[in-house]
Amino acid sequence: MSRTKLTEQEISSALSALNASAAAPWQIADGKLHKEFAFRDFNEAFGFMTRCALVAEAMDHHPEWFNVYRTVRIDLATHDAGGITELDFTLAGRMETIAG
């Protein structure tokens, strides 16, 4: 997976592909790939975060995220590349799979 910053056109294409199977769309916000997931309760939200954390650690790519009760807000960017990379879209896709 590339850690090279994507162009606007590459981001647009990857975002369309990611959102084709997403229950709710990912967006670009403040130069980051952004989404909020809503779960039934805190336990389900925290379980999602735990599963995602294991994937993120294996990828050596860690999200910026925030959890309040049943909501998990996620922002993805590759800081050392200065923007969004293929790695961010790969992690987002894995998160979509985990969220089911």
C-alpha atoms as a PDB file:
ATOM      1  CA  MET A   1       0.000   0.000   0.000  1.00  0.00           C
ATOM      2  CA  SER A   2       1.305   3.347  -1.009  1.00  0.00           C
ATOM      3  CA  ARG A   3       2.027   6.134   1.438  1.00  0.00           C
ATOM      4  CA  THR A   4       2.194   8.652  -1.423  1.00  0.00           C
ATOM      5  CA  LYS A   5      -0.275  11.536  -1.250  1.00  0.00           C
ATOM      6  CA  LEU A   6      -3.097  11.062  -3.747  1.00  0.00           C
ATOM      7  CA  THR A   7      -4.175  13.690  -6.263  1.00  0.00           C
ATOM      8  CA  GLU A   8      -7.655  15.220  -6.091  1.00  0.00           C
ATOM      9  CA  GLN A   9      -8.723  13.027  -9.020  1.00  0.00           C
ATOM     10  CA  GLU A  10      -7.363   9.873  -7.350  1.00  0.00           C
ATOM     11  CA  ILE A  11      -9.129  10.802  -4.112  1.00  0.00           C
ATOM     12  CA  SER A  12     -12.402  11.388  -5.931  1.00  0.00           C
ATOM     13  CA  SER A  13     -12.173   8.030  -7.693  1.00  0.00           C
ATOM     14  CA  ALA A  14     -11.204   6.128  -4.533  1.00  0.00           C
ATOM     15  CA  LEU A  15     -13.963   7.874  -2.552  1.00  0.00           C
ATOM     16  CA  SER A  16     -16.577   6.841  -5.117  1.00  0.00           C
ATOM     17  CA  ALA A  17     -15.370   3.235  -4.976  1.00  0.00           C
ATOM     18  CA  LEU A  18     -15.368   3.220  -1.162  1.00  0.00           C
ATOM     19  CA  ASN A  19     -18.851   4.728  -0.944  1.00  0.00           C
ATOM     20  CA  ALA A  20     -20.300   2.293  -3.493  1.00  0.00           C
ATOM     21  CA  SER A  21     -20.679  -0.296  -0.744  1.00  0.00           C
ATOM     22  CA  ALA A  22     -20.854   1.913   2.365  1.00  0.00           C
ATOM     23  CA  ALA A  23     -24.115   2.171   4.309  1.00  0.00           C
ATOM     24  CA  ALA A  24     -23.410   5.879   4.893  1.00  0.00           C
ATOM     25  CA  PRO A  25     -20.863   7.831   2.855  1.00  0.00           C
ATOM     26  CA  TRP A  26     -17.333   8.790   3.731  1.00  0.00           C
ATOM     27  CA  GLN A  27     -16.485  12.441   3.010  1.00  0.00           C
ATOM     28  CA  ILE A  28     -13.451  14.632   2.707  1.00  0.00           C
ATOM     29  CA  ALA A  29     -13.341  17.101   5.602  1.00  0.00           C
ATOM     30  CA  ASP A  30     -10.412  19.345   6.497  1.00  0.00           C
ATOM     31  CA  GLY A  31      -8.136  17.381   4.170  1.00  0.00           C
ATOM     32  CA  LYS A  32      -8.965  14.047   5.793  1.00  0.00           C
ATOM     33  CA  LEU A  33     -11.146  11.070   4.990  1.00  0.00           C
ATOM     34  CA  HIS A  34     -14.033  11.411   7.451  1.00  0.00           C
ATOM     35  CA  LYS A  35     -17.003   9.381   8.668  1.00  0.00           C
ATOM     36  CA  GLU A  36     -19.193   8.969  11.732  1.00  0.00           C
ATOM     37  CA  PHE A  37     -20.442   5.513  12.626  1.00  0.00           C
ATOM     38  CA  ALA A  38     -23.489   5.075  14.877  1.00  0.00           C
ATOM     39  CA  PHE A  39     -24.013   1.843  16.793  1.00  0.00           C
ATOM     40  CA  ARG A  40     -26.753   0.483  19.034  1.00  0.00           C
ATOM     41  CA  ASP A  41     -24.865   1.227  22.241  1.00  0.00           C
ATOM     42  CA  PHE A  42     -21.468   1.930  23.781  1.00  0.00           C
ATOM     43  CA  ASN A  43     -20.521  -1.748  23.935  1.00  0.00           C
ATOM     44  CA  GLU A  44     -21.017  -2.161  20.192  1.00  0.00           C
ATOM     45  CA  ALA A  45     -19.129   1.073  19.446  1.00  0.00           C
ATOM     46  CA  PHE A  46     -16.225   0.094  21.668  1.00  0.00           C
ATOM     47  CA  GLY A  47     -16.123  -3.399  20.155  1.00  0.00           C
ATOM     48  CA  PHE A  48     -15.879  -1.820  16.699  1.00  0.00           C
ATOM     49  CA  MET A  49     -13.010   0.384  17.876  1.00  0.00           C
ATOM     50  CA  THR A  50     -11.202  -2.586  19.389  1.00  0.00           C
ATOM     51  CA  ARG A  51     -11.437  -4.619  16.188  1.00  0.00           C
ATOM     52  CA  CYS A  52     -10.336  -1.602  14.132  1.00  0.00           C
ATOM     53  CA  ALA A  53      -7.419  -0.954  16.481  1.00  0.00           C
ATOM     54  CA  LEU A  54      -6.050  -4.442  15.837  1.00  0.00           C
ATOM     55  CA  VAL A  55      -6.245  -3.900  12.069  1.00  0.00           C
ATOM     56  CA  ALA A  56      -4.717  -0.413  12.311  1.00  0.00           C
ATOM     57  CA  GLU A  57      -1.826  -1.697  14.403  1.00  0.00           C
ATOM     58  CA  ALA A  58      -1.137  -4.512  11.930  1.00  0.00           C
ATOM     59  CA  MET A  59      -1.117  -1.916   9.121  1.00  0.00           C
ATOM     60  CA  ASP A  60       1.024   0.486  11.192  1.00  0.00           C
ATOM     61  CA  HIS A  61      -1.527   3.153  10.324  1.00  0.00           C
ATOM     62  CA  HIS A  62      -3.521   4.701  13.138  1.00  0.00           C
ATOM     63  CA  PRO A  63      -6.763   6.678  12.908  1.00  0.00           C
ATOM     64  CA  GLU A  64      -7.728   9.898  14.578  1.00  0.00           C
ATOM     65  CA  TRP A  65     -10.975   8.998  16.269  1.00  0.00           C
ATOM     66  CA  PHE A  66     -13.364  10.077  18.949  1.00  0.00           C
ATOM     67  CA  ASN A  67     -16.043   8.106  20.750  1.00  0.00           C
ATOM     68  CA  VAL A  68     -19.050   9.297  22.694  1.00  0.00           C
ATOM     69  CA  TYR A  69     -21.517   6.645  23.792  1.00  0.00           C
ATOM     70  CA  ARG A  70     -22.674   4.967  20.562  1.00  0.00           C
ATOM     71  CA  THR A  71     -20.957   7.234  18.026  1.00  0.00           C
ATOM     72  CA  VAL A  72     -17.436   6.842  16.643  1.00  0.00           C
ATOM     73  CA  ARG A  73     -16.056   9.738  14.593  1.00  0.00           C
ATOM     74  CA  ILE A  74     -13.081   8.861  12.383  1.00  0.00           C
ATOM     75  CA  ASP A  75     -10.598  10.987  10.437  1.00  0.00           C
ATOM     76  CA  LEU A  76      -7.931   9.345   8.286  1.00  0.00           C
ATOM     77  CA  ALA A  77      -4.863  10.961   6.747  1.00  0.00           C
ATOM     78  CA  THR A  78      -1.265   9.891   6.351  1.00  0.00           C
ATOM     79  CA  HIS A  79       0.595  12.563   8.277  1.00  0.00           C
ATOM     80  CA  ASP A  80       4.064  11.803   6.933  1.00  0.00           C
ATOM     81  CA  ALA A  81       2.673  12.135   3.359  1.00  0.00           C
ATOM     82  CA  GLY A  82       0.855  15.362   4.172  1.00  0.00           C
ATOM     83  CA  GLY A  83      -2.564  14.150   3.075  1.00  0.00           C
ATOM     84  CA  ILE A  84      -4.739  11.241   2.027  1.00  0.00           C
ATOM     85  CA  THR A  85      -3.074   8.118   0.636  1.00  0.00           C
ATOM     86  CA  GLU A  86      -4.051   4.664  -0.557  1.00  0.00           C
ATOM     87  CA  LEU A  87      -3.368   3.480   2.981  1.00  0.00           C
ATOM     88  CA  ASP A  88      -6.216   5.643   4.290  1.00  0.00           C
ATOM     89  CA  PHE A  89      -8.679   4.188   1.808  1.00  0.00           C
ATOM     90  CA  THR A  90      -7.531   0.651   2.614  1.00  0.00           C
ATOM     91  CA  LEU A  91      -8.074   1.219   6.334  1.00  0.00           C
ATOM     92  CA  ALA A  92     -11.458   2.847   5.660  1.00  0.00           C
ATOM     93  CA  GLY A  93     -12.513  -0.183   3.629  1.00  0.00           C
ATOM     94  CA  ARG A  94     -11.467  -2.515   6.422  1.00  0.00           C
ATOM     95  CA  MET A  95     -13.473  -0.392   8.881  1.00  0.00           C
ATOM     96  CA  GLU A  96     -16.527  -0.678   6.643  1.00  0.00           C
ATOM     97  CA  THR A  97     -16.164  -4.458   6.671  1.00  0.00           C
ATOM     98  CA  ILE A  98     -15.816  -4.520  10.455  1.00  0.00           C
ATOM     99  CA  ALA A  99     -18.851  -2.297  10.918  1.00  0.00           C
ATOM    100  CA  GLY A 100     -20.804  -4.730   8.750  1.00  0.00           C
END
